[in-house]
Amino acid sequence: MDIRVSLDGAAGLLLVSVPWLLLLLVAWWGRGRRAVHTEPPGRDAARPPLEARPLGIMTSSASEHVGLSGAGGDMAEPSAHSAGVEIAPVLSQQEQEDTLRMAVEAAKSARDDPQLARSSVELGRLLLARSARPQASVLLQGAVMAAGRAKLPVVHAEARIELAEIALAEGDLTSACEHWQMAKLMFHEMGRRSDQDRMANLMRVHRCPTDWILTNF
């Protein structure tokens, strides 16, 4: 028996199309599964591995959070170099004298009595340290006058005390007592009782007149 299938008409077109439709369906289903289980290759490349990811934001070192402590647990103090502080070089006595002489001359030129009084007392003390009494005496007498004009009783008293030491070293006890008495008066006016008593004790030890010791004139 001869069985023939006609491919004409709609039935034939449907029969021919079925295999292609099945193939397209299989291809679409397989592509959908790959889309679900895979990601674009660029995403994995851009994502760091888990151990390389930062655990929170920490831009400073751990030592800044914990504290720089020594063996005993105390905070370590920064050195002068690390803190950006420059340590001034130690000057010799001659260099100190030269520096103060320039300060004295500059204060004279500027008519700066406060600076003149302070610098003169400091320079006078340096000169006394090497027994240059005549030069020191001139400077200290100038300091007394400058301190008086600038109304600096403390500097005035300091200059008087140094002048008393010069007078005592030269055997002039009367002048020494006068300088101590004036220094005592300065301290009395400022209410500095301990310094006032110190001057009174010096006067008493060196047998200055009793009425000078007891009187603030």
N, C-alpha and C. Protein backbone atom coordinates (compact mmCIF):
# COMPACT_ATOMS: atom_id res chain seq x y z
N MET A 1 0.87 -1.18 0.00
CA MET A 1 0.00 0.00 0.00
C MET A 1 0.90 1.21 0.00
N ASP A 2 0.55 2.15 -0.82
CA ASP A 2 1.36 3.37 -0.99
C ASP A 2 0.76 4.48 -0.16
N ILE A 3 1.55 4.87 0.96
CA ILE A 3 1.06 5.96 1.85
C ILE A 3 1.85 7.20 1.54
N ARG A 4 1.21 8.23 1.12
CA ARG A 4 1.86 9.50 0.80
C ARG A 4 1.28 10.61 1.67
N VAL A 5 2.19 11.47 2.18
CA VAL A 5 1.76 12.61 3.02
C VAL A 5 1.92 13.86 2.21
N SER A 6 0.87 14.59 2.12
CA SER A 6 0.90 15.84 1.35
C SER A 6 1.36 16.97 2.26
N LEU A 7 2.35 17.76 1.81
CA LEU A 7 2.88 18.90 2.57
C LEU A 7 2.27 20.21 2.11
N ASP A 8 1.22 20.08 1.35
CA ASP A 8 0.57 21.30 0.88
C ASP A 8 -0.37 21.82 1.96
N GLY A 9 -0.56 23.10 1.98
CA GLY A 9 -1.54 23.71 2.88
C GLY A 9 -0.97 23.96 4.26
N ALA A 10 -1.85 24.31 5.18
CA ALA A 10 -1.46 24.69 6.55
C ALA A 10 -0.90 23.51 7.31
N ALA A 11 -1.43 22.31 7.09
CA ALA A 11 -0.95 21.13 7.79
C ALA A 11 0.49 20.85 7.44
N GLY A 12 0.83 21.02 6.19
CA GLY A 12 2.23 20.79 5.79
C GLY A 12 3.16 21.82 6.37
N LEU A 13 2.75 23.09 6.40
CA LEU A 13 3.60 24.15 6.96
C LEU A 13 3.84 23.93 8.45
N LEU A 14 2.78 23.49 9.17
CA LEU A 14 2.93 23.23 10.60
C LEU A 14 3.87 22.07 10.84
N LEU A 15 3.79 21.05 10.05
CA LEU A 15 4.65 19.89 10.21
C LEU A 15 6.11 20.24 10.00
N VAL A 16 6.35 21.11 9.03
CA VAL A 16 7.75 21.52 8.75
C VAL A 16 8.28 22.43 9.85
N SER A 17 7.43 23.25 10.44
CA SER A 17 7.88 24.25 11.42
C SER A 17 8.11 23.67 12.80
N VAL A 18 7.48 22.55 13.14
CA VAL A 18 7.58 22.00 14.51
C VAL A 18 9.02 21.74 14.93
N PRO A 19 9.83 21.06 14.09
CA PRO A 19 11.24 20.84 14.54
C PRO A 19 11.99 22.14 14.84
N TRP A 20 11.79 23.15 14.03
CA TRP A 20 12.49 24.43 14.26
C TRP A 20 12.00 25.11 15.54
N LEU A 21 10.71 25.01 15.78
CA LEU A 21 10.19 25.62 17.01
C LEU A 21 10.75 24.92 18.24
N LEU A 22 10.85 23.59 18.18
CA LEU A 22 11.43 22.85 19.31
C LEU A 22 12.88 23.23 19.53
N LEU A 23 13.64 23.40 18.45
CA LEU A 23 15.05 23.79 18.55
C LEU A 23 15.20 25.17 19.18
N LEU A 24 14.37 26.11 18.75
CA LEU A 24 14.41 27.46 19.32
C LEU A 24 14.04 27.45 20.80
N LEU A 25 13.05 26.60 21.17
CA LEU A 25 12.63 26.51 22.56
C LEU A 25 13.75 25.98 23.44
N VAL A 26 14.43 24.95 22.94
CA VAL A 26 15.56 24.38 23.71
C VAL A 26 16.67 25.40 23.87
N ALA A 27 16.98 26.15 22.80
CA ALA A 27 18.06 27.15 22.86
C ALA A 27 17.70 28.27 23.85
N TRP A 28 16.45 28.71 23.81
CA TRP A 28 16.02 29.78 24.73
C TRP A 28 16.06 29.34 26.18
N TRP A 29 15.65 28.09 26.44
CA TRP A 29 15.64 27.56 27.81
C TRP A 29 17.06 27.42 28.35
N GLY A 30 17.99 26.95 27.51
CA GLY A 30 19.38 26.82 27.93
C GLY A 30 20.03 28.17 28.20
N ARG A 31 19.71 29.16 27.41
CA ARG A 31 20.28 30.51 27.63
C ARG A 31 19.77 31.12 28.92
N GLY A 32 18.50 30.87 29.22
CA GLY A 32 17.94 31.38 30.47
C GLY A 32 18.63 30.78 31.68
N ARG A 33 18.95 29.49 31.63
CA ARG A 33 19.63 28.85 32.76
C ARG A 33 21.03 29.43 32.95
N ARG A 34 21.76 29.70 31.89
CA ARG A 34 23.09 30.30 32.00
C ARG A 34 23.02 31.70 32.58
N ALA A 35 21.97 32.44 32.25
CA ALA A 35 21.82 33.80 32.78
C ALA A 35 21.56 33.79 34.27
N VAL A 36 20.86 32.73 34.76
CA VAL A 36 20.56 32.64 36.19
C VAL A 36 21.78 32.27 36.99
N HIS A 37 22.61 31.34 36.50
CA HIS A 37 23.71 30.78 37.29
C HIS A 37 25.04 31.45 37.02
N THR A 38 25.13 32.32 36.05
CA THR A 38 26.40 32.98 35.75
C THR A 38 26.21 34.47 35.80
N GLU A 39 27.33 35.23 36.00
CA GLU A 39 27.33 36.69 36.02
C GLU A 39 28.26 37.17 34.94
N PRO A 40 28.12 38.39 34.57
CA PRO A 40 29.02 38.92 33.54
C PRO A 40 30.46 38.82 34.02
N PRO A 41 31.40 38.50 33.13
CA PRO A 41 32.78 38.29 33.53
C PRO A 41 33.41 39.52 34.14
N GLY A 42 32.94 40.72 33.82
CA GLY A 42 33.56 41.94 34.35
C GLY A 42 33.31 42.14 35.82
N ARG A 43 32.25 41.60 36.39
CA ARG A 43 31.90 41.84 37.78
C ARG A 43 32.86 41.13 38.72
N ASP A 44 33.23 39.89 38.43
CA ASP A 44 34.16 39.16 39.28
C ASP A 44 35.54 39.79 39.24
N ALA A 45 35.93 40.31 38.10
CA ALA A 45 37.25 40.91 37.99
C ALA A 45 37.35 42.19 38.80
N ALA A 46 36.22 42.92 38.87
CA ALA A 46 36.24 44.19 39.61
C ALA A 46 36.08 44.00 41.09
N ARG A 47 35.60 42.84 41.55
CA ARG A 47 35.33 42.62 42.97
C ARG A 47 36.57 42.04 43.64
N PRO A 48 37.10 42.67 44.71
CA PRO A 48 38.28 42.12 45.38
C PRO A 48 37.91 40.87 46.14
N PRO A 49 38.87 39.98 46.34
CA PRO A 49 38.59 38.78 47.15
C PRO A 49 38.24 39.18 48.56
N LEU A 50 37.59 38.26 49.28
CA LEU A 50 37.06 38.57 50.60
C LEU A 50 38.14 39.02 51.55
N GLU A 51 39.33 38.33 51.54
CA GLU A 51 40.36 38.69 52.50
C GLU A 51 41.02 40.01 52.16
N ALA A 52 40.81 40.51 50.93
CA ALA A 52 41.43 41.78 50.55
C ALA A 52 40.53 42.96 50.79
N ARG A 53 39.28 42.71 51.15
CA ARG A 53 38.34 43.81 51.36
C ARG A 53 38.58 44.46 52.71
N PRO A 54 38.53 45.80 52.78
CA PRO A 54 38.72 46.48 54.08
C PRO A 54 37.53 46.26 54.98
N LEU A 55 37.82 46.00 56.28
CA LEU A 55 36.75 45.81 57.26
C LEU A 55 36.44 47.15 57.91
N GLY A 56 35.73 48.01 57.25
CA GLY A 56 35.44 49.34 57.77
C GLY A 56 36.47 50.33 57.26
N ILE A 57 36.26 51.61 57.57
CA ILE A 57 37.13 52.67 57.09
C ILE A 57 38.17 52.96 58.16
N MET A 58 39.44 52.74 57.88
CA MET A 58 40.53 53.04 58.80
C MET A 58 41.66 53.63 57.97
N THR A 59 41.76 54.94 57.96
CA THR A 59 42.77 55.60 57.16
C THR A 59 44.05 55.83 57.92
N SER A 60 44.05 55.71 59.26
CA SER A 60 45.26 55.91 60.04
C SER A 60 45.80 54.58 60.50
N SER A 61 47.04 54.62 60.97
CA SER A 61 47.67 53.39 61.42
C SER A 61 47.08 52.93 62.74
N ALA A 62 47.31 51.68 63.06
CA ALA A 62 46.76 51.13 64.30
C ALA A 62 47.36 51.80 65.52
N SER A 63 48.62 52.23 65.41
CA SER A 63 49.26 52.86 66.57
C SER A 63 48.58 54.15 66.94
N GLU A 64 47.95 54.84 65.97
CA GLU A 64 47.26 56.08 66.28
C GLU A 64 45.97 55.83 67.04
N HIS A 65 45.36 54.67 66.86
CA HIS A 65 44.12 54.36 67.56
C HIS A 65 44.40 53.78 68.95
N VAL A 66 45.46 52.95 69.05
CA VAL A 66 45.76 52.30 70.32
C VAL A 66 46.49 53.25 71.25
N GLY A 67 47.38 54.08 70.72
CA GLY A 67 48.20 54.99 71.53
C GLY A 67 49.63 54.49 71.55
N LEU A 68 50.56 55.44 71.41
CA LEU A 68 51.97 55.09 71.42
C LEU A 68 52.43 55.00 72.86
N SER A 69 52.42 53.84 73.43
CA SER A 69 52.78 53.68 74.83
C SER A 69 54.10 52.97 74.94
N GLY A 70 54.79 53.26 76.03
CA GLY A 70 56.06 52.61 76.30
C GLY A 70 55.84 51.30 77.01
N ALA A 71 56.92 50.82 77.60
CA ALA A 71 56.84 49.52 78.26
C ALA A 71 55.93 49.57 79.46
N GLY A 72 55.86 50.73 80.12
CA GLY A 72 55.03 50.84 81.31
C GLY A 72 53.60 51.20 81.02
N GLY A 73 53.27 51.40 79.75
CA GLY A 73 51.90 51.74 79.40
C GLY A 73 51.61 53.22 79.40
N ASP A 74 52.60 54.05 79.72
CA ASP A 74 52.38 55.49 79.72
C ASP A 74 52.53 56.02 78.31
N MET A 75 51.86 57.15 78.06
CA MET A 75 51.95 57.77 76.76
C MET A 75 53.37 58.25 76.54
N ALA A 76 53.94 57.94 75.38
CA ALA A 76 55.29 58.39 75.08
C ALA A 76 55.25 59.84 74.66
N GLU A 77 56.10 60.64 75.24
CA GLU A 77 56.14 62.06 74.91
C GLU A 77 56.96 62.25 73.64
N PRO A 78 56.48 63.08 72.71
CA PRO A 78 57.24 63.29 71.47
C PRO A 78 58.52 64.03 71.76
N SER A 79 59.56 63.67 71.04
CA SER A 79 60.83 64.37 71.20
C SER A 79 60.74 65.74 70.58
N ALA A 80 61.70 66.60 70.92
CA ALA A 80 61.69 67.96 70.38
C ALA A 80 61.84 67.93 68.87
N HIS A 81 62.62 66.95 68.35
CA HIS A 81 62.82 66.88 66.91
C HIS A 81 61.53 66.47 66.21
N SER A 82 60.84 65.43 66.75
CA SER A 82 59.61 64.96 66.11
C SER A 82 58.50 65.98 66.22
N ALA A 83 58.51 66.82 67.26
CA ALA A 83 57.48 67.84 67.43
C ALA A 83 57.76 69.09 66.62
N GLY A 84 58.89 69.12 65.95
CA GLY A 84 59.21 70.28 65.14
C GLY A 84 59.76 71.44 65.93
N VAL A 85 60.25 71.18 67.16
CA VAL A 85 60.78 72.24 68.00
C VAL A 85 62.29 72.27 67.86
N GLU A 86 62.82 73.41 67.51
CA GLU A 86 64.25 73.55 67.38
C GLU A 86 64.85 73.93 68.73
N ILE A 87 65.89 73.20 69.15
CA ILE A 87 66.55 73.47 70.41
C ILE A 87 67.62 74.53 70.19
N ALA A 88 67.53 75.62 70.96
CA ALA A 88 68.48 76.71 70.80
C ALA A 88 69.86 76.25 71.24
N PRO A 89 70.89 76.61 70.48
CA PRO A 89 72.25 76.22 70.87
C PRO A 89 72.67 76.92 72.15
N VAL A 90 73.52 76.26 72.93
CA VAL A 90 74.02 76.83 74.18
C VAL A 90 75.12 77.83 73.84
N LEU A 91 74.94 79.07 74.31
CA LEU A 91 75.91 80.12 74.03
C LEU A 91 76.97 80.16 75.12
N SER A 92 78.17 80.49 74.74
CA SER A 92 79.22 80.70 75.72
C SER A 92 78.94 82.00 76.48
N GLN A 93 79.66 82.23 77.58
CA GLN A 93 79.44 83.45 78.35
C GLN A 93 79.76 84.68 77.52
N GLN A 94 80.82 84.60 76.71
CA GLN A 94 81.18 85.75 75.88
C GLN A 94 80.09 86.03 74.85
N GLU A 95 79.53 84.98 74.27
CA GLU A 95 78.45 85.17 73.29
C GLU A 95 77.21 85.75 73.96
N GLN A 96 76.92 85.31 75.19
CA GLN A 96 75.79 85.88 75.92
C GLN A 96 76.02 87.37 76.21
N GLU A 97 77.24 87.71 76.62
CA GLU A 97 77.55 89.12 76.89
C GLU A 97 77.40 89.96 75.63
N ASP A 98 77.91 89.45 74.51
CA ASP A 98 77.80 90.20 73.25
C ASP A 98 76.34 90.40 72.85
N THR A 99 75.55 89.35 73.03
CA THR A 99 74.12 89.45 72.69
C THR A 99 73.42 90.48 73.56
N LEU A 100 73.72 90.48 74.87
CA LEU A 100 73.08 91.43 75.78
C LEU A 100 73.57 92.85 75.54
N ARG A 101 74.84 93.01 75.17
CA ARG A 101 75.33 94.35 74.85
C ARG A 101 74.57 94.94 73.67
N MET A 102 74.34 94.10 72.65
CA MET A 102 73.57 94.57 71.50
C MET A 102 72.14 94.92 71.91
N ALA A 103 71.57 94.12 72.83
CA ALA A 103 70.21 94.41 73.31
C ALA A 103 70.18 95.73 74.08
N VAL A 104 71.21 95.99 74.88
CA VAL A 104 71.27 97.25 75.64
C VAL A 104 71.37 98.44 74.69
N GLU A 105 72.25 98.33 73.70
CA GLU A 105 72.41 99.44 72.75
C GLU A 105 71.14 99.66 71.93
N ALA A 106 70.49 98.56 71.53
CA ALA A 106 69.25 98.70 70.77
C ALA A 106 68.17 99.35 71.62
N ALA A 107 68.10 99.00 72.91
CA ALA A 107 67.10 99.60 73.80
C ALA A 107 67.38 101.08 74.02
N LYS A 108 68.66 101.44 74.11
CA LYS A 108 69.00 102.86 74.25
C LYS A 108 68.58 103.64 73.01
N SER A 109 68.86 103.09 71.83
CA SER A 109 68.50 103.78 70.59
C SER A 109 66.99 103.93 70.45
N ALA A 110 66.25 102.91 70.88
CA ALA A 110 64.79 102.94 70.78
C ALA A 110 64.14 103.62 71.98
N ARG A 111 64.95 104.01 72.96
CA ARG A 111 64.43 104.60 74.20
C ARG A 111 63.40 103.67 74.85
N ASP A 112 63.76 102.40 74.85
CA ASP A 112 62.90 101.36 75.43
C ASP A 112 63.39 101.09 76.85
N ASP A 113 62.85 101.85 77.82
CA ASP A 113 63.32 101.73 79.20
C ASP A 113 63.09 100.35 79.81
N PRO A 114 61.93 99.71 79.61
CA PRO A 114 61.76 98.36 80.18
C PRO A 114 62.81 97.37 79.69
N GLN A 115 63.05 97.36 78.37
CA GLN A 115 64.06 96.44 77.84
C GLN A 115 65.46 96.84 78.29
N LEU A 116 65.72 98.14 78.36
CA LEU A 116 67.03 98.61 78.81
C LEU A 116 67.30 98.17 80.24
N ALA A 117 66.30 98.30 81.11
CA ALA A 117 66.48 97.92 82.52
C ALA A 117 66.74 96.42 82.65
N ARG A 118 65.95 95.61 81.98
CA ARG A 118 66.10 94.15 82.11
C ARG A 118 67.43 93.67 81.53
N SER A 119 67.76 94.15 80.33
CA SER A 119 69.00 93.71 79.68
C SER A 119 70.22 94.16 80.47
N SER A 120 70.15 95.35 81.06
CA SER A 120 71.28 95.86 81.84
C SER A 120 71.51 95.02 83.09
N VAL A 121 70.42 94.60 83.76
CA VAL A 121 70.57 93.75 84.95
C VAL A 121 71.17 92.40 84.56
N GLU A 122 70.70 91.81 83.48
CA GLU A 122 71.22 90.51 83.05
C GLU A 122 72.69 90.60 82.68
N LEU A 123 73.05 91.64 81.93
CA LEU A 123 74.45 91.81 81.55
C LEU A 123 75.31 92.11 82.77
N GLY A 124 74.79 92.91 83.69
CA GLY A 124 75.54 93.20 84.91
C GLY A 124 75.84 91.94 85.70
N ARG A 125 74.90 91.02 85.77
CA ARG A 125 75.13 89.76 86.50
C ARG A 125 76.21 88.92 85.83
N LEU A 126 76.20 88.88 84.49
CA LEU A 126 77.24 88.13 83.79
C LEU A 126 78.61 88.73 84.05
N LEU A 127 78.69 90.05 84.06
CA LEU A 127 79.97 90.71 84.32
C LEU A 127 80.44 90.45 85.75
N LEU A 128 79.51 90.45 86.69
CA LEU A 128 79.88 90.17 88.08
C LEU A 128 80.39 88.74 88.24
N ALA A 129 79.87 87.82 87.41
CA ALA A 129 80.30 86.43 87.50
C ALA A 129 81.78 86.27 87.18
N ARG A 130 82.33 87.20 86.40
CA ARG A 130 83.78 87.16 86.13
C ARG A 130 84.50 88.35 86.76
N SER A 131 83.84 88.90 87.81
CA SER A 131 84.45 89.95 88.65
C SER A 131 84.76 91.24 87.91
N ALA A 132 83.98 91.55 86.88
CA ALA A 132 84.14 92.84 86.19
C ALA A 132 83.23 93.86 86.87
N ARG A 133 83.59 94.24 88.11
CA ARG A 133 82.69 95.07 88.93
C ARG A 133 82.50 96.49 88.38
N PRO A 134 83.53 97.18 87.92
CA PRO A 134 83.31 98.55 87.44
C PRO A 134 82.30 98.62 86.29
N GLN A 135 82.44 97.73 85.30
CA GLN A 135 81.50 97.72 84.18
C GLN A 135 80.09 97.35 84.65
N ALA A 136 80.03 96.37 85.54
CA ALA A 136 78.72 95.95 86.05
C ALA A 136 78.05 97.07 86.81
N SER A 137 78.82 97.82 87.59
CA SER A 137 78.25 98.91 88.39
C SER A 137 77.61 99.97 87.50
N VAL A 138 78.28 100.32 86.40
CA VAL A 138 77.72 101.32 85.48
C VAL A 138 76.41 100.82 84.89
N LEU A 139 76.38 99.58 84.46
CA LEU A 139 75.17 99.01 83.87
C LEU A 139 74.03 98.96 84.89
N LEU A 140 74.32 98.56 86.11
CA LEU A 140 73.28 98.41 87.13
C LEU A 140 72.73 99.77 87.57
N GLN A 141 73.59 100.78 87.63
CA GLN A 141 73.08 102.12 87.94
C GLN A 141 72.16 102.63 86.84
N GLY A 142 72.52 102.32 85.59
CA GLY A 142 71.62 102.66 84.48
C GLY A 142 70.31 101.89 84.56
N ALA A 143 70.38 100.63 85.02
CA ALA A 143 69.17 99.83 85.16
C ALA A 143 68.25 100.41 86.22
N VAL A 144 68.83 100.94 87.32
CA VAL A 144 68.01 101.56 88.37
C VAL A 144 67.23 102.74 87.81
N MET A 145 67.91 103.58 87.03
CA MET A 145 67.24 104.76 86.47
C MET A 145 66.18 104.37 85.44
N ALA A 146 66.51 103.40 84.57
CA ALA A 146 65.55 102.97 83.54
C ALA A 146 64.34 102.30 84.18
N ALA A 147 64.57 101.49 85.21
CA ALA A 147 63.45 100.82 85.89
C ALA A 147 62.57 101.83 86.61
N GLY A 148 63.19 102.89 87.16
CA GLY A 148 62.40 103.94 87.80
C GLY A 148 61.51 104.65 86.80
N ARG A 149 62.05 104.96 85.63
CA ARG A 149 61.25 105.64 84.60
C ARG A 149 60.13 104.73 84.08
N ALA A 150 60.43 103.44 83.95
CA ALA A 150 59.45 102.49 83.41
C ALA A 150 58.50 101.95 84.48
N LYS A 151 58.72 102.36 85.74
CA LYS A 151 57.90 101.88 86.86
C LYS A 151 57.93 100.34 86.93
N LEU A 152 59.14 99.82 87.03
CA LEU A 152 59.36 98.38 87.18
C LEU A 152 60.04 98.14 88.53
N PRO A 153 59.27 98.06 89.61
CA PRO A 153 59.88 97.94 90.94
C PRO A 153 60.68 96.66 91.14
N VAL A 154 60.26 95.56 90.52
CA VAL A 154 61.00 94.31 90.69
C VAL A 154 62.39 94.43 90.08
N VAL A 155 62.47 94.95 88.86
CA VAL A 155 63.77 95.12 88.20
C VAL A 155 64.62 96.12 88.98
N HIS A 156 63.98 97.18 89.48
CA HIS A 156 64.67 98.17 90.30
C HIS A 156 65.30 97.49 91.52
N ALA A 157 64.52 96.66 92.20
CA ALA A 157 65.03 95.97 93.39
C ALA A 157 66.17 95.02 93.04
N GLU A 158 66.05 94.30 91.92
CA GLU A 158 67.11 93.38 91.52
C GLU A 158 68.41 94.12 91.26
N ALA A 159 68.31 95.27 90.59
CA ALA A 159 69.52 96.07 90.33
C ALA A 159 70.13 96.56 91.64
N ARG A 160 69.30 96.97 92.58
CA ARG A 160 69.80 97.43 93.88
C ARG A 160 70.52 96.31 94.63
N ILE A 161 69.99 95.12 94.57
CA ILE A 161 70.62 93.99 95.26
C ILE A 161 72.01 93.71 94.70
N GLU A 162 72.14 93.76 93.37
CA GLU A 162 73.45 93.54 92.75
C GLU A 162 74.42 94.67 93.10
N LEU A 163 73.93 95.89 93.13
CA LEU A 163 74.79 97.02 93.52
C LEU A 163 75.25 96.88 94.97
N ALA A 164 74.38 96.35 95.82
CA ALA A 164 74.77 96.12 97.22
C ALA A 164 75.90 95.10 97.31
N GLU A 165 75.86 94.08 96.47
CA GLU A 165 76.93 93.08 96.47
C GLU A 165 78.25 93.70 96.03
N ILE A 166 78.20 94.59 95.04
CA ILE A 166 79.42 95.27 94.60
C ILE A 166 79.98 96.13 95.72
N ALA A 167 79.10 96.90 96.36
CA ALA A 167 79.55 97.77 97.46
C ALA A 167 80.13 96.95 98.60
N LEU A 168 79.51 95.83 98.92
CA LEU A 168 80.00 94.98 100.01
C LEU A 168 81.37 94.41 99.67
N ALA A 169 81.55 93.98 98.40
CA ALA A 169 82.85 93.43 97.98
C ALA A 169 83.95 94.48 98.03
N GLU A 170 83.59 95.74 97.86
CA GLU A 170 84.57 96.83 97.90
C GLU A 170 84.72 97.43 99.29
N GLY A 171 84.03 96.86 100.27
CA GLY A 171 84.16 97.32 101.65
C GLY A 171 83.32 98.54 101.99
N ASP A 172 82.36 98.89 101.15
CA ASP A 172 81.51 100.06 101.39
C ASP A 172 80.18 99.57 101.98
N LEU A 173 80.18 99.32 103.29
CA LEU A 173 79.00 98.77 103.94
C LEU A 173 77.83 99.75 103.94
N THR A 174 78.13 101.04 104.06
CA THR A 174 77.05 102.03 104.09
C THR A 174 76.25 102.01 102.79
N SER A 175 76.97 101.99 101.65
CA SER A 175 76.28 101.94 100.36
C SER A 175 75.51 100.64 100.20
N ALA A 176 76.09 99.54 100.68
CA ALA A 176 75.40 98.26 100.59
C ALA A 176 74.09 98.30 101.37
N CYS A 177 74.13 98.87 102.58
CA CYS A 177 72.91 98.97 103.38
C CYS A 177 71.87 99.85 102.70
N GLU A 178 72.32 100.93 102.05
CA GLU A 178 71.38 101.81 101.35
C GLU A 178 70.67 101.05 100.22
N HIS A 179 71.43 100.27 99.46
CA HIS A 179 70.83 99.51 98.35
C HIS A 179 69.86 98.45 98.88
N TRP A 180 70.23 97.77 99.96
CA TRP A 180 69.32 96.78 100.53
C TRP A 180 68.04 97.43 101.05
N GLN A 181 68.21 98.61 101.66
CA GLN A 181 67.04 99.33 102.17
C GLN A 181 66.10 99.73 101.03
N MET A 182 66.67 100.20 99.92
CA MET A 182 65.84 100.59 98.77
C MET A 182 65.14 99.36 98.17
N ALA A 183 65.85 98.25 98.10
CA ALA A 183 65.22 97.02 97.59
C ALA A 183 64.10 96.58 98.52
N LYS A 184 64.34 96.71 99.84
CA LYS A 184 63.30 96.35 100.81
C LYS A 184 62.07 97.23 100.64
N LEU A 185 62.29 98.50 100.34
CA LEU A 185 61.18 99.42 100.11
C LEU A 185 60.38 99.02 98.87
N MET A 186 61.08 98.62 97.79
CA MET A 186 60.39 98.17 96.58
C MET A 186 59.50 96.96 96.87
N PHE A 187 60.06 96.01 97.60
CA PHE A 187 59.29 94.80 97.93
C PHE A 187 58.13 95.12 98.87
N HIS A 188 58.33 96.07 99.75
CA HIS A 188 57.24 96.48 100.65
C HIS A 188 56.08 97.08 99.86
N GLU A 189 56.39 97.91 98.88
CA GLU A 189 55.34 98.54 98.07
C GLU A 189 54.58 97.52 97.24
N MET A 190 55.23 96.43 96.86
CA MET A 190 54.56 95.40 96.06
C MET A 190 53.89 94.34 96.92
N GLY A 191 54.07 94.41 98.23
CA GLY A 191 53.48 93.41 99.11
C GLY A 191 54.19 92.07 99.09
N ARG A 192 55.45 92.06 98.69
CA ARG A 192 56.22 90.81 98.64
C ARG A 192 56.94 90.65 99.98
N ARG A 193 56.23 90.13 100.94
CA ARG A 193 56.72 90.09 102.32
C ARG A 193 57.96 89.21 102.46
N SER A 194 57.99 88.08 101.78
CA SER A 194 59.14 87.18 101.93
C SER A 194 60.43 87.84 101.44
N ASP A 195 60.35 88.56 100.30
CA ASP A 195 61.53 89.26 99.79
C ASP A 195 61.89 90.43 100.70
N GLN A 196 60.88 91.09 101.21
CA GLN A 196 61.13 92.19 102.15
C GLN A 196 61.87 91.67 103.38
N ASP A 197 61.43 90.55 103.92
CA ASP A 197 62.10 89.96 105.09
C ASP A 197 63.52 89.51 104.75
N ARG A 198 63.71 89.04 103.54
CA ARG A 198 65.06 88.61 103.13
C ARG A 198 66.03 89.78 103.14
N MET A 199 65.58 90.94 102.66
CA MET A 199 66.43 92.13 102.69
C MET A 199 66.70 92.57 104.13
N ALA A 200 65.67 92.50 104.97
CA ALA A 200 65.85 92.88 106.38
C ALA A 200 66.86 91.97 107.06
N ASN A 201 66.84 90.68 106.73
CA ASN A 201 67.80 89.75 107.32
C ASN A 201 69.22 90.06 106.87
N LEU A 202 69.39 90.40 105.58
CA LEU A 202 70.72 90.78 105.10
C LEU A 202 71.23 92.01 105.85
N MET A 203 70.36 92.97 106.05
CA MET A 203 70.75 94.19 106.76
C MET A 203 71.09 93.88 108.22
N ARG A 204 70.35 92.97 108.80
CA ARG A 204 70.61 92.61 110.20
C ARG A 204 71.94 91.86 110.33
N VAL A 205 72.20 90.93 109.42
CA VAL A 205 73.44 90.16 109.46
C VAL A 205 74.66 91.06 109.32
N HIS A 206 74.54 92.05 108.45
CA HIS A 206 75.68 92.94 108.18
C HIS A 206 75.67 94.19 109.07
N ARG A 207 74.83 94.18 110.09
CA ARG A 207 74.79 95.23 111.11
C ARG A 207 74.51 96.62 110.50
N CYS A 208 73.53 96.64 109.60
CA CYS A 208 73.07 97.94 109.10
C CYS A 208 72.34 98.67 110.22
N PRO A 209 72.19 99.99 110.14
CA PRO A 209 71.47 100.74 111.19
C PRO A 209 70.10 100.14 111.47
N THR A 210 69.78 100.02 112.72
CA THR A 210 68.53 99.37 113.14
C THR A 210 67.31 100.12 112.62
N ASP A 211 67.36 101.46 112.62
CA ASP A 211 66.19 102.21 112.16
C ASP A 211 65.95 102.01 110.67
N TRP A 212 67.01 101.69 109.89
CA TRP A 212 66.82 101.38 108.48
C TRP A 212 66.09 100.04 108.33
N ILE A 213 66.44 99.12 109.20
CA ILE A 213 65.84 97.78 109.12
C ILE A 213 64.35 97.83 109.45
N LEU A 214 64.00 98.63 110.45
CA LEU A 214 62.63 98.66 110.95
C LEU A 214 61.74 99.65 110.20
N THR A 215 62.33 100.56 109.44
CA THR A 215 61.55 101.62 108.81
C THR A 215 61.56 101.46 107.30
N ASN A 216 60.40 101.63 106.70
CA ASN A 216 60.27 101.64 105.24
C ASN A 216 60.12 103.09 104.79
N PHE A 217 61.25 103.69 104.44
CA PHE A 217 61.20 105.11 104.04
C PHE A 217 61.55 105.24 102.57
